[in-house]
mmCIF file of all heavy atoms, coordinates in Angstrom:
data_MODEL
# 
_entry.id   MODEL 
# 
loop_
_atom_site.group_PDB 
_atom_site.id 
_atom_site.type_symbol 
_atom_site.label_atom_id 
_atom_site.label_alt_id 
_atom_site.label_comp_id 
_atom_site.label_asym_id 
_atom_site.label_entity_id 
_atom_site.label_seq_id 
_atom_site.pdbx_PDB_ins_code 
_atom_site.Cartn_x 
_atom_site.Cartn_y 
_atom_site.Cartn_z 
_atom_site.occupancy 
_atom_site.B_iso_or_equiv 
_atom_site.pdbx_formal_charge 
_atom_site.auth_seq_id 
_atom_site.auth_comp_id 
_atom_site.auth_asym_id 
_atom_site.auth_atom_id 
_atom_site.pdbx_PDB_model_num 
ATOM 1   N N   . SER A 1 1  ? 10.683  11.361  18.559  1.00 0.00 ? 1  SER A N   1 
ATOM 2   C CA  . SER A 1 1  ? 10.597  10.266  19.516  1.00 0.00 ? 1  SER A CA  1 
ATOM 3   C C   . SER A 1 1  ? 9.289   9.496   19.423  1.00 0.00 ? 1  SER A C   1 
ATOM 4   O O   . SER A 1 1  ? 9.231   8.331   19.745  1.00 0.00 ? 1  SER A O   1 
ATOM 5   C CB  . SER A 1 1  ? 10.774  10.799  20.936  1.00 0.00 ? 1  SER A CB  1 
ATOM 6   O OG  . SER A 1 1  ? 9.710   11.691  21.236  1.00 0.00 ? 1  SER A OG  1 
ATOM 7   N N   . SER A 1 2  ? 8.219   10.129  18.950  1.00 0.00 ? 2  SER A N   1 
ATOM 8   C CA  . SER A 1 2  ? 6.930   9.442   18.883  1.00 0.00 ? 2  SER A CA  1 
ATOM 9   C C   . SER A 1 2  ? 6.895   8.357   17.813  1.00 0.00 ? 2  SER A C   1 
ATOM 10  O O   . SER A 1 2  ? 6.118   7.425   17.912  1.00 0.00 ? 2  SER A O   1 
ATOM 11  C CB  . SER A 1 2  ? 5.803   10.445  18.624  1.00 0.00 ? 2  SER A CB  1 
ATOM 12  O OG  . SER A 1 2  ? 5.999   11.070  17.375  1.00 0.00 ? 2  SER A OG  1 
ATOM 13  N N   . VAL A 1 3  ? 7.739   8.462   16.804  1.00 0.00 ? 3  VAL A N   1 
ATOM 14  C CA  . VAL A 1 3  ? 7.734   7.453   15.747  1.00 0.00 ? 3  VAL A CA  1 
ATOM 15  C C   . VAL A 1 3  ? 9.081   6.752   15.594  1.00 0.00 ? 3  VAL A C   1 
ATOM 16  O O   . VAL A 1 3  ? 9.263   5.964   14.697  1.00 0.00 ? 3  VAL A O   1 
ATOM 17  C CB  . VAL A 1 3  ? 7.319   8.067   14.388  1.00 0.00 ? 3  VAL A CB  1 
ATOM 18  C CG1 . VAL A 1 3  ? 5.898   8.540   14.424  1.00 0.00 ? 3  VAL A CG1 1 
ATOM 19  C CG2 . VAL A 1 3  ? 8.263   9.156   13.975  1.00 0.00 ? 3  VAL A CG2 1 
ATOM 20  N N   . ALA A 1 4  ? 10.020  7.028   16.489  1.00 0.00 ? 4  ALA A N   1 
ATOM 21  C CA  . ALA A 1 4  ? 11.361  6.469   16.353  1.00 0.00 ? 4  ALA A CA  1 
ATOM 22  C C   . ALA A 1 4  ? 11.383  4.961   16.550  1.00 0.00 ? 4  ALA A C   1 
ATOM 23  O O   . ALA A 1 4  ? 12.255  4.289   16.035  1.00 0.00 ? 4  ALA A O   1 
ATOM 24  C CB  . ALA A 1 4  ? 12.309  7.134   17.355  1.00 0.00 ? 4  ALA A CB  1 
ATOM 25  N N   . THR A 1 5  ? 10.421  4.391   17.264  1.00 0.00 ? 5  THR A N   1 
ATOM 26  C CA  . THR A 1 5  ? 10.427  2.954   17.527  1.00 0.00 ? 5  THR A CA  1 
ATOM 27  C C   . THR A 1 5  ? 9.708   2.160   16.450  1.00 0.00 ? 5  THR A C   1 
ATOM 28  O O   . THR A 1 5  ? 9.839   0.955   16.397  1.00 0.00 ? 5  THR A O   1 
ATOM 29  C CB  . THR A 1 5  ? 9.757   2.653   18.879  1.00 0.00 ? 5  THR A CB  1 
ATOM 30  O OG1 . THR A 1 5  ? 8.416   3.150   18.836  1.00 0.00 ? 5  THR A OG1 1 
ATOM 31  C CG2 . THR A 1 5  ? 10.515  3.299   20.009  1.00 0.00 ? 5  THR A CG2 1 
ATOM 32  N N   . ARG A 1 6  ? 8.977   2.806   15.571  1.00 0.00 ? 6  ARG A N   1 
ATOM 33  C CA  . ARG A 1 6  ? 8.259   2.089   14.515  1.00 0.00 ? 6  ARG A CA  1 
ATOM 34  C C   . ARG A 1 6  ? 9.224   1.674   13.426  1.00 0.00 ? 6  ARG A C   1 
ATOM 35  O O   . ARG A 1 6  ? 10.081  2.431   13.012  1.00 0.00 ? 6  ARG A O   1 
ATOM 36  C CB  . ARG A 1 6  ? 7.164   2.976   13.920  1.00 0.00 ? 6  ARG A CB  1 
ATOM 37  C CG  . ARG A 1 6  ? 6.060   3.197   14.923  1.00 0.00 ? 6  ARG A CG  1 
ATOM 38  C CD  . ARG A 1 6  ? 4.819   3.707   14.296  1.00 0.00 ? 6  ARG A CD  1 
ATOM 39  N NE  . ARG A 1 6  ? 4.462   2.927   13.119  1.00 0.00 ? 6  ARG A NE  1 
ATOM 40  C CZ  . ARG A 1 6  ? 3.599   3.356   12.227  1.00 0.00 ? 6  ARG A CZ  1 
ATOM 41  N NH1 . ARG A 1 6  ? 3.023   4.504   12.364  1.00 0.00 ? 6  ARG A NH1 1 
ATOM 42  N NH2 . ARG A 1 6  ? 3.302   2.616   11.192  1.00 0.00 ? 6  ARG A NH2 1 
ATOM 43  N N   . GLN A 1 7  ? 9.077   0.457   12.946  1.00 0.00 ? 7  GLN A N   1 
ATOM 44  C CA  . GLN A 1 7  ? 9.952   -0.049  11.901  1.00 0.00 ? 7  GLN A CA  1 
ATOM 45  C C   . GLN A 1 7  ? 9.413   0.260   10.507  1.00 0.00 ? 7  GLN A C   1 
ATOM 46  O O   . GLN A 1 7  ? 10.156  0.616   9.623   1.00 0.00 ? 7  GLN A O   1 
ATOM 47  C CB  . GLN A 1 7  ? 10.125  -1.566  12.054  1.00 0.00 ? 7  GLN A CB  1 
ATOM 48  C CG  . GLN A 1 7  ? 10.816  -1.958  13.343  1.00 0.00 ? 7  GLN A CG  1 
ATOM 49  C CD  . GLN A 1 7  ? 12.239  -1.454  13.396  1.00 0.00 ? 7  GLN A CD  1 
ATOM 50  O OE1 . GLN A 1 7  ? 12.926  -1.454  12.397  1.00 0.00 ? 7  GLN A OE1 1 
ATOM 51  N NE2 . GLN A 1 7  ? 12.685  -1.022  14.548  1.00 0.00 ? 7  GLN A NE2 1 
ATOM 52  N N   . ASP A 1 8  ? 8.115   0.088   10.299  1.00 0.00 ? 8  ASP A N   1 
ATOM 53  C CA  . ASP A 1 8  ? 7.523   0.260   8.975   1.00 0.00 ? 8  ASP A CA  1 
ATOM 54  C C   . ASP A 1 8  ? 6.924   1.654   8.871   1.00 0.00 ? 8  ASP A C   1 
ATOM 55  O O   . ASP A 1 8  ? 5.740   1.858   9.038   1.00 0.00 ? 8  ASP A O   1 
ATOM 56  C CB  . ASP A 1 8  ? 6.459   -0.815  8.748   1.00 0.00 ? 8  ASP A CB  1 
ATOM 57  C CG  . ASP A 1 8  ? 5.958   -0.833  7.323   1.00 0.00 ? 8  ASP A CG  1 
ATOM 58  O OD1 . ASP A 1 8  ? 6.639   -0.269  6.448   1.00 0.00 ? 8  ASP A OD1 1 
ATOM 59  O OD2 . ASP A 1 8  ? 4.881   -1.407  7.086   1.00 0.00 ? 8  ASP A OD2 1 
ATOM 60  N N   . LEU A 1 9  ? 7.769   2.665   8.599   1.00 0.00 ? 9  LEU A N   1 
ATOM 61  C CA  . LEU A 1 9  ? 7.312   4.041   8.553   1.00 0.00 ? 9  LEU A CA  1 
ATOM 62  C C   . LEU A 1 9  ? 6.777   4.434   7.182   1.00 0.00 ? 9  LEU A C   1 
ATOM 63  O O   . LEU A 1 9  ? 6.093   5.422   7.045   1.00 0.00 ? 9  LEU A O   1 
ATOM 64  C CB  . LEU A 1 9  ? 8.456   4.980   8.947   1.00 0.00 ? 9  LEU A CB  1 
ATOM 65  C CG  . LEU A 1 9  ? 8.984   4.800   10.359  1.00 0.00 ? 9  LEU A CG  1 
ATOM 66  C CD1 . LEU A 1 9  ? 10.178  5.714   10.585  1.00 0.00 ? 9  LEU A CD1 1 
ATOM 67  C CD2 . LEU A 1 9  ? 7.919   5.083   11.382  1.00 0.00 ? 9  LEU A CD2 1 
ATOM 68  N N   . THR A 1 10 ? 7.106   3.681   6.176   1.00 0.00 ? 10 THR A N   1 
ATOM 69  C CA  . THR A 1 10 ? 6.654   3.986   4.821   1.00 0.00 ? 10 THR A CA  1 
ATOM 70  C C   . THR A 1 10 ? 5.939   2.769   4.268   1.00 0.00 ? 10 THR A C   1 
ATOM 71  O O   . THR A 1 10 ? 6.508   1.692   4.215   1.00 0.00 ? 10 THR A O   1 
ATOM 72  C CB  . THR A 1 10 ? 7.852   4.319   3.917   1.00 0.00 ? 10 THR A CB  1 
ATOM 73  O OG1 . THR A 1 10 ? 8.594   5.355   4.522   1.00 0.00 ? 10 THR A OG1 1 
ATOM 74  C CG2 . THR A 1 10 ? 7.394   4.753   2.551   1.00 0.00 ? 10 THR A CG2 1 
ATOM 75  N N   . THR A 1 11 ? 4.715   2.945   3.874   1.00 0.00 ? 11 THR A N   1 
ATOM 76  C CA  . THR A 1 11 ? 3.976   1.838   3.294   1.00 0.00 ? 11 THR A CA  1 
ATOM 77  C C   . THR A 1 11 ? 2.928   2.373   2.332   1.00 0.00 ? 11 THR A C   1 
ATOM 78  O O   . THR A 1 11 ? 2.391   3.455   2.528   1.00 0.00 ? 11 THR A O   1 
ATOM 79  C CB  . THR A 1 11 ? 3.349   0.956   4.387   1.00 0.00 ? 11 THR A CB  1 
ATOM 80  O OG1 . THR A 1 11 ? 2.687   -0.141  3.772   1.00 0.00 ? 11 THR A OG1 1 
ATOM 81  C CG2 . THR A 1 11 ? 2.366   1.716   5.241   1.00 0.00 ? 11 THR A CG2 1 
ATOM 82  N N   . PHE A 1 12 ? 2.688   1.625   1.274   1.00 0.00 ? 12 PHE A N   1 
ATOM 83  C CA  . PHE A 1 12 ? 1.726   2.011   0.259   1.00 0.00 ? 12 PHE A CA  1 
ATOM 84  C C   . PHE A 1 12 ? 0.633   0.961   0.157   1.00 0.00 ? 12 PHE A C   1 
ATOM 85  O O   . PHE A 1 12 ? 0.877   -0.224  0.371   1.00 0.00 ? 12 PHE A O   1 
ATOM 86  C CB  . PHE A 1 12 ? 2.400   2.134   -1.117  1.00 0.00 ? 12 PHE A CB  1 
ATOM 87  C CG  . PHE A 1 12 ? 3.262   3.339   -1.274  1.00 0.00 ? 12 PHE A CG  1 
ATOM 88  C CD1 . PHE A 1 12 ? 4.632   3.258   -1.142  1.00 0.00 ? 12 PHE A CD1 1 
ATOM 89  C CD2 . PHE A 1 12 ? 2.699   4.569   -1.565  1.00 0.00 ? 12 PHE A CD2 1 
ATOM 90  C CE1 . PHE A 1 12 ? 5.433   4.371   -1.304  1.00 0.00 ? 12 PHE A CE1 1 
ATOM 91  C CE2 . PHE A 1 12 ? 3.497   5.693   -1.727  1.00 0.00 ? 12 PHE A CE2 1 
ATOM 92  C CZ  . PHE A 1 12 ? 4.859   5.589   -1.594  1.00 0.00 ? 12 PHE A CZ  1 
ATOM 93  N N   . HIS A 1 13 ? -0.563  1.405   -0.196  1.00 0.00 ? 13 HIS A N   1 
ATOM 94  C CA  . HIS A 1 13 ? -1.665  0.515   -0.528  1.00 0.00 ? 13 HIS A CA  1 
ATOM 95  C C   . HIS A 1 13 ? -2.121  0.858   -1.937  1.00 0.00 ? 13 HIS A C   1 
ATOM 96  O O   . HIS A 1 13 ? -2.228  2.036   -2.291  1.00 0.00 ? 13 HIS A O   1 
ATOM 97  C CB  . HIS A 1 13 ? -2.837  0.689   0.436   1.00 0.00 ? 13 HIS A CB  1 
ATOM 98  C CG  . HIS A 1 13 ? -2.582  0.148   1.795   1.00 0.00 ? 13 HIS A CG  1 
ATOM 99  N ND1 . HIS A 1 13 ? -2.322  -1.179  2.035   1.00 0.00 ? 13 HIS A ND1 1 
ATOM 100 C CD2 . HIS A 1 13 ? -2.557  0.754   2.993   1.00 0.00 ? 13 HIS A CD2 1 
ATOM 101 C CE1 . HIS A 1 13 ? -2.152  -1.362  3.332   1.00 0.00 ? 13 HIS A CE1 1 
ATOM 102 N NE2 . HIS A 1 13 ? -2.276  -0.199  3.939   1.00 0.00 ? 13 HIS A NE2 1 
ATOM 103 N N   . LEU A 1 14 ? -2.413  -0.175  -2.724  1.00 0.00 ? 14 LEU A N   1 
ATOM 104 C CA  . LEU A 1 14 ? -2.933  0.017   -4.065  1.00 0.00 ? 14 LEU A CA  1 
ATOM 105 C C   . LEU A 1 14 ? -4.445  -0.158  -4.040  1.00 0.00 ? 14 LEU A C   1 
ATOM 106 O O   . LEU A 1 14 ? -4.953  -1.142  -3.505  1.00 0.00 ? 14 LEU A O   1 
ATOM 107 C CB  . LEU A 1 14 ? -2.314  -1.004  -5.026  1.00 0.00 ? 14 LEU A CB  1 
ATOM 108 C CG  . LEU A 1 14 ? -0.811  -0.882  -5.234  1.00 0.00 ? 14 LEU A CG  1 
ATOM 109 C CD1 . LEU A 1 14 ? -0.296  -2.055  -6.040  1.00 0.00 ? 14 LEU A CD1 1 
ATOM 110 C CD2 . LEU A 1 14 ? -0.476  0.422   -5.921  1.00 0.00 ? 14 LEU A CD2 1 
ATOM 111 N N   . ILE A 1 15 ? -5.157  0.800   -4.599  1.00 0.00 ? 15 ILE A N   1 
ATOM 112 C CA  . ILE A 1 15 ? -6.617  0.735   -4.636  1.00 0.00 ? 15 ILE A CA  1 
ATOM 113 C C   . ILE A 1 15 ? -7.045  0.882   -6.084  1.00 0.00 ? 15 ILE A C   1 
ATOM 114 O O   . ILE A 1 15 ? -6.859  1.954   -6.656  1.00 0.00 ? 15 ILE A O   1 
ATOM 115 C CB  . ILE A 1 15 ? -7.250  1.851   -3.774  1.00 0.00 ? 15 ILE A CB  1 
ATOM 116 C CG1 . ILE A 1 15 ? -6.714  1.751   -2.353  1.00 0.00 ? 15 ILE A CG1 1 
ATOM 117 C CG2 . ILE A 1 15 ? -8.761  1.765   -3.802  1.00 0.00 ? 15 ILE A CG2 1 
ATOM 118 C CD1 . ILE A 1 15 ? -7.072  2.933   -1.484  1.00 0.00 ? 15 ILE A CD1 1 
ATOM 119 N N   . PRO A 1 16 ? -7.583  -0.126  -6.715  1.00 0.00 ? 16 PRO A N   1 
ATOM 120 C CA  . PRO A 1 16 ? -7.799  -1.502  -6.270  1.00 0.00 ? 16 PRO A CA  1 
ATOM 121 C C   . PRO A 1 16 ? -6.487  -2.297  -6.268  1.00 0.00 ? 16 PRO A C   1 
ATOM 122 O O   . PRO A 1 16 ? -5.537  -1.926  -6.958  1.00 0.00 ? 16 PRO A O   1 
ATOM 123 C CB  . PRO A 1 16 ? -8.759  -2.068  -7.326  1.00 0.00 ? 16 PRO A CB  1 
ATOM 124 C CG  . PRO A 1 16 ? -8.454  -1.304  -8.556  1.00 0.00 ? 16 PRO A CG  1 
ATOM 125 C CD  . PRO A 1 16 ? -8.053  0.078   -8.096  1.00 0.00 ? 16 PRO A CD  1 
ATOM 126 N N   . PRO A 1 17 ? -6.425  -3.397  -5.506  1.00 0.00 ? 17 PRO A N   1 
ATOM 127 C CA  . PRO A 1 17 ? -5.185  -4.164  -5.407  1.00 0.00 ? 17 PRO A CA  1 
ATOM 128 C C   . PRO A 1 17 ? -4.862  -4.994  -6.652  1.00 0.00 ? 17 PRO A C   1 
ATOM 129 O O   . PRO A 1 17 ? -3.780  -5.530  -6.771  1.00 0.00 ? 17 PRO A O   1 
ATOM 130 C CB  . PRO A 1 17 ? -5.421  -5.070  -4.200  1.00 0.00 ? 17 PRO A CB  1 
ATOM 131 C CG  . PRO A 1 17 ? -6.897  -5.160  -4.063  1.00 0.00 ? 17 PRO A CG  1 
ATOM 132 C CD  . PRO A 1 17 ? -7.460  -3.888  -4.588  1.00 0.00 ? 17 PRO A CD  1 
ATOM 133 N N   . ARG A 1 18 ? -5.803  -5.118  -7.579  1.00 0.00 ? 18 ARG A N   1 
ATOM 134 C CA  . ARG A 1 18 ? -5.580  -5.828  -8.847  1.00 0.00 ? 18 ARG A CA  1 
ATOM 135 C C   . ARG A 1 18 ? -6.469  -5.212  -9.912  1.00 0.00 ? 18 ARG A C   1 
ATOM 136 O O   . ARG A 1 18 ? -7.495  -4.620  -9.595  1.00 0.00 ? 18 ARG A O   1 
ATOM 137 C CB  . ARG A 1 18 ? -5.839  -7.323  -8.707  1.00 0.00 ? 18 ARG A CB  1 
ATOM 138 C CG  . ARG A 1 18 ? -7.275  -7.696  -8.443  1.00 0.00 ? 18 ARG A CG  1 
ATOM 139 C CD  . ARG A 1 18 ? -7.463  -9.169  -8.104  1.00 0.00 ? 18 ARG A CD  1 
ATOM 140 N NE  . ARG A 1 18 ? -6.614  -9.666  -7.051  1.00 0.00 ? 18 ARG A NE  1 
ATOM 141 C CZ  . ARG A 1 18 ? -6.857  -9.514  -5.746  1.00 0.00 ? 18 ARG A CZ  1 
ATOM 142 N NH1 . ARG A 1 18 ? -7.926  -8.887  -5.360  1.00 0.00 ? 18 ARG A NH1 1 
ATOM 143 N NH2 . ARG A 1 18 ? -6.033  -9.987  -4.850  1.00 0.00 ? 18 ARG A NH2 1 
ATOM 144 N N   . VAL A 1 19 ? -6.064  -5.341  -11.177 1.00 0.00 ? 19 VAL A N   1 
ATOM 145 C CA  . VAL A 1 19 ? -6.820  -4.766  -12.285 1.00 0.00 ? 19 VAL A CA  1 
ATOM 146 C C   . VAL A 1 19 ? -7.271  -5.897  -13.203 1.00 0.00 ? 19 VAL A C   1 
ATOM 147 O O   . VAL A 1 19 ? -6.450  -6.701  -13.642 1.00 0.00 ? 19 VAL A O   1 
ATOM 148 C CB  . VAL A 1 19 ? -5.963  -3.755  -13.085 1.00 0.00 ? 19 VAL A CB  1 
ATOM 149 C CG1 . VAL A 1 19 ? -6.719  -3.263  -14.303 1.00 0.00 ? 19 VAL A CG1 1 
ATOM 150 C CG2 . VAL A 1 19 ? -5.556  -2.588  -12.202 1.00 0.00 ? 19 VAL A CG2 1 
ATOM 151 N N   . THR A 1 20 ? -8.573  -5.956  -13.467 1.00 0.00 ? 20 THR A N   1 
ATOM 152 C CA  . THR A 1 20 ? -9.131  -6.911  -14.412 1.00 0.00 ? 20 THR A CA  1 
ATOM 153 C C   . THR A 1 20 ? -9.880  -6.116  -15.469 1.00 0.00 ? 20 THR A C   1 
ATOM 154 O O   . THR A 1 20 ? -10.898 -5.496  -15.175 1.00 0.00 ? 20 THR A O   1 
ATOM 155 C CB  . THR A 1 20 ? -10.074 -7.904  -13.704 1.00 0.00 ? 20 THR A CB  1 
ATOM 156 O OG1 . THR A 1 20 ? -9.370  -8.528  -12.637 1.00 0.00 ? 20 THR A OG1 1 
ATOM 157 C CG2 . THR A 1 20 ? -10.568 -8.962  -14.676 1.00 0.00 ? 20 THR A CG2 1 
ATOM 158 N N   . PHE A 1 21 ? -9.365  -6.126  -16.685 1.00 0.00 ? 21 PHE A N   1 
ATOM 159 C CA  . PHE A 1 21 ? -9.991  -5.370  -17.758 1.00 0.00 ? 21 PHE A CA  1 
ATOM 160 C C   . PHE A 1 21 ? -11.210 -6.090  -18.326 1.00 0.00 ? 21 PHE A C   1 
ATOM 161 O O   . PHE A 1 21 ? -12.080 -5.463  -18.899 1.00 0.00 ? 21 PHE A O   1 
ATOM 162 C CB  . PHE A 1 21 ? -8.983  -5.106  -18.889 1.00 0.00 ? 21 PHE A CB  1 
ATOM 163 C CG  . PHE A 1 21 ? -8.061  -3.956  -18.612 1.00 0.00 ? 21 PHE A CG  1 
ATOM 164 C CD1 . PHE A 1 21 ? -6.764  -4.176  -18.195 1.00 0.00 ? 21 PHE A CD1 1 
ATOM 165 C CD2 . PHE A 1 21 ? -8.481  -2.657  -18.779 1.00 0.00 ? 21 PHE A CD2 1 
ATOM 166 C CE1 . PHE A 1 21 ? -5.902  -3.121  -17.945 1.00 0.00 ? 21 PHE A CE1 1 
ATOM 167 C CE2 . PHE A 1 21 ? -7.634  -1.594  -18.541 1.00 0.00 ? 21 PHE A CE2 1 
ATOM 168 C CZ  . PHE A 1 21 ? -6.339  -1.824  -18.119 1.00 0.00 ? 21 PHE A CZ  1 
ATOM 169 N N   . GLY A 1 22 ? -11.271 -7.399  -18.224 1.00 0.00 ? 22 GLY A N   1 
ATOM 170 C CA  . GLY A 1 22 ? -12.383 -8.150  -18.801 1.00 0.00 ? 22 GLY A CA  1 
ATOM 171 C C   . GLY A 1 22 ? -12.094 -8.495  -20.252 1.00 0.00 ? 22 GLY A C   1 
ATOM 172 O O   . GLY A 1 22 ? -10.954 -8.670  -20.657 1.00 0.00 ? 22 GLY A O   1 
ATOM 173 N N   . VAL A 1 23 ? -13.146 -8.581  -21.081 1.00 0.00 ? 23 VAL A N   1 
ATOM 174 C CA  . VAL A 1 23 ? -12.990 -8.929  -22.492 1.00 0.00 ? 23 VAL A CA  1 
ATOM 175 C C   . VAL A 1 23 ? -12.802 -7.648  -23.300 1.00 0.00 ? 23 VAL A C   1 
ATOM 176 O O   . VAL A 1 23 ? -13.611 -6.730  -23.220 1.00 0.00 ? 23 VAL A O   1 
ATOM 177 C CB  . VAL A 1 23 ? -14.218 -9.718  -23.004 1.00 0.00 ? 23 VAL A CB  1 
ATOM 178 C CG1 . VAL A 1 23 ? -14.065 -10.049 -24.473 1.00 0.00 ? 23 VAL A CG1 1 
ATOM 179 C CG2 . VAL A 1 23 ? -14.408 -10.993 -22.195 1.00 0.00 ? 23 VAL A CG2 1 
ATOM 180 N N   . LEU A 1 24 ? -11.712 -7.599  -24.064 1.00 0.00 ? 24 LEU A N   1 
ATOM 181 C CA  . LEU A 1 24 ? -11.359 -6.410  -24.844 1.00 0.00 ? 24 LEU A CA  1 
ATOM 182 C C   . LEU A 1 24 ? -11.386 -6.722  -26.328 1.00 0.00 ? 24 LEU A C   1 
ATOM 183 O O   . LEU A 1 24 ? -11.104 -7.846  -26.746 1.00 0.00 ? 24 LEU A O   1 
ATOM 184 C CB  . LEU A 1 24 ? -9.956  -5.925  -24.457 1.00 0.00 ? 24 LEU A CB  1 
ATOM 185 C CG  . LEU A 1 24 ? -9.673  -5.725  -22.972 1.00 0.00 ? 24 LEU A CG  1 
ATOM 186 C CD1 . LEU A 1 24 ? -8.236  -5.294  -22.778 1.00 0.00 ? 24 LEU A CD1 1 
ATOM 187 C CD2 . LEU A 1 24 ? -10.621 -4.727  -22.372 1.00 0.00 ? 24 LEU A CD2 1 
# 
């Protein structure tokens, strides 16, 4: 019952949110 009203129960965060390799 404590979480039954929440809609977004599963969520992910990417750390870092983008990848920049630079000059290769």
